[in-house]
């Protein structure tokens, strides 16, 4: 709906600052893709993100750290190539910023 319909953190000026968001999925999935939606974050989306997935007791890198500042006001989709079923998603945000939605698509 607008910028307040999502997640946003306070701006930090601390060197090497990052924030994390962990989301437990409703059931374990073989994740096919993850879509990040920054539709209403024109000036305060993150600079970079990294996405991890929890399979059993191991965190695995699903999306390596990459620059997403250019996707402000838009969506970005990542194709995921991980054979294990994922139980949780961890989004690492560098240094901070906001997003409207995280869509995790897959099969159980």
Protein backbone atom coordinates (compact mmCIF):
# COMPACT_ATOMS: atom_id res chain seq x y z
CA UNK A 1 0.00 0.00 0.00
CA UNK A 2 2.73 2.45 0.98
CA UNK A 3 6.12 2.77 2.68
CA UNK A 4 4.62 1.91 6.09
CA UNK A 5 3.36 -1.44 4.77
CA UNK A 6 6.68 -3.24 5.07
CA UNK A 7 9.90 -3.36 7.08
CA UNK A 8 12.21 -0.43 7.74
CA UNK A 9 15.07 0.15 10.13
CA UNK A 10 16.60 3.31 11.53
CA UNK A 11 19.60 4.57 9.58
CA UNK A 12 22.96 3.69 11.12
CA UNK A 13 26.26 5.41 10.43
CA UNK A 14 28.33 2.78 12.25
CA UNK A 15 31.09 1.23 10.14
CA UNK A 16 30.30 -2.30 8.86
CA UNK A 17 26.75 -2.11 10.24
CA UNK A 18 24.30 -4.78 9.10
CA UNK A 19 20.89 -5.93 10.16
CA UNK A 20 19.33 -9.37 9.92
CA UNK A 21 15.79 -10.58 9.51
CA UNK A 22 14.95 -14.25 10.05
CA UNK A 23 11.69 -15.70 8.75
CA UNK A 24 10.49 -19.20 9.56
CA UNK A 25 8.63 -20.68 6.60
CA UNK A 26 5.24 -22.32 7.14
CA UNK A 27 6.79 -25.63 6.02
CA UNK A 28 10.14 -26.73 4.60
CA UNK A 29 10.38 -25.97 0.87
CA UNK A 30 12.67 -26.62 -2.05
CA UNK A 31 13.02 -22.92 -2.83
CA UNK A 32 12.86 -22.03 -6.53
CA UNK A 33 13.01 -18.24 -6.28
CA UNK A 34 12.99 -15.31 -3.87
CA UNK A 35 11.52 -11.94 -4.82
CA UNK A 36 12.33 -8.77 -2.87
CA UNK A 37 9.86 -5.92 -3.32
CA UNK A 38 11.06 -2.33 -2.76
CA UNK A 39 8.05 -0.68 -4.47
CA UNK A 40 7.58 2.07 -1.87
CA UNK A 41 11.19 2.42 -0.78
CA UNK A 42 12.46 4.90 -3.33
CA UNK A 43 15.09 6.55 -1.11
CA UNK A 44 15.61 4.06 1.72
CA UNK A 45 16.11 0.62 0.27
CA UNK A 46 19.28 -1.20 1.36
CA UNK A 47 22.59 -0.81 -0.46
CA UNK A 48 23.35 -4.54 -0.44
CA UNK A 49 21.74 -7.80 0.67
CA UNK A 50 22.68 -11.43 1.20
CA UNK A 51 20.17 -14.27 1.68
CA UNK A 52 20.82 -17.44 3.67
CA UNK A 53 18.62 -20.52 4.06
CA UNK A 54 18.44 -22.96 6.98
CA UNK A 55 18.40 -26.61 5.91
CA UNK A 56 18.42 -28.87 8.97
CA UNK A 57 21.02 -27.28 11.24
CA UNK A 58 23.14 -25.66 8.50
CA UNK A 59 22.81 -22.12 7.11
CA UNK A 60 23.49 -22.11 3.37
CA UNK A 61 24.08 -19.14 1.11
CA UNK A 62 21.16 -18.81 -1.31
CA UNK A 63 22.05 -15.36 -2.68
CA UNK A 64 25.57 -13.95 -2.36
CA UNK A 65 26.04 -10.38 -1.15
CA UNK A 66 25.17 -8.02 -3.98
CA UNK A 67 24.34 -4.38 -4.66
CA UNK A 68 20.60 -3.72 -4.90
CA UNK A 69 20.45 0.08 -4.55
CA UNK A 70 19.52 0.39 -8.24
CA UNK A 71 16.28 -1.58 -7.60
CA UNK A 72 14.75 1.17 -5.44
CA UNK A 73 11.04 1.46 -6.18
CA UNK A 74 11.09 -1.93 -7.95
CA UNK A 75 11.32 -5.68 -7.39
CA UNK A 76 14.27 -8.01 -7.84
CA UNK A 77 13.95 -11.76 -8.35
CA UNK A 78 16.59 -14.38 -7.59
CA UNK A 79 16.59 -17.91 -9.01
CA UNK A 80 17.65 -20.29 -6.23
CA UNK A 81 19.67 -23.44 -6.90
CA UNK A 82 19.67 -25.37 -3.62
CA UNK A 83 18.76 -29.07 -3.51
CA UNK A 84 17.80 -29.12 0.19
CA UNK A 85 14.47 -28.08 1.68
CA UNK A 86 14.74 -24.74 3.45
CA UNK A 87 13.04 -24.13 6.81
CA UNK A 88 14.03 -20.51 7.45
CA UNK A 89 15.24 -17.56 5.43
CA UNK A 90 17.78 -15.06 6.80
CA UNK A 91 18.06 -11.72 5.04
CA UNK A 92 21.25 -9.76 5.80
CA UNK A 93 20.91 -6.07 4.99
CA UNK A 94 23.97 -3.84 4.50
CA UNK A 95 24.00 -1.33 6.09
CA UNK A 96 20.23 -0.96 6.63
CA UNK A 97 17.08 0.10 4.80
CA UNK A 98 13.55 -0.99 4.05
CA UNK A 99 11.55 -3.33 1.87
CA UNK A 100 7.87 -4.03 1.37
CA UNK A 101 7.70 -7.79 0.83
CA UNK A 102 9.78 -10.95 0.63
CA UNK A 103 8.23 -13.67 -1.55
CA UNK A 104 9.67 -17.19 -1.16
CA UNK A 105 8.44 -19.51 -3.89
CA UNK A 106 9.01 -23.24 -4.06
CA UNK A 107 7.68 -26.78 -3.68
CA UNK A 108 7.47 -29.09 -0.67
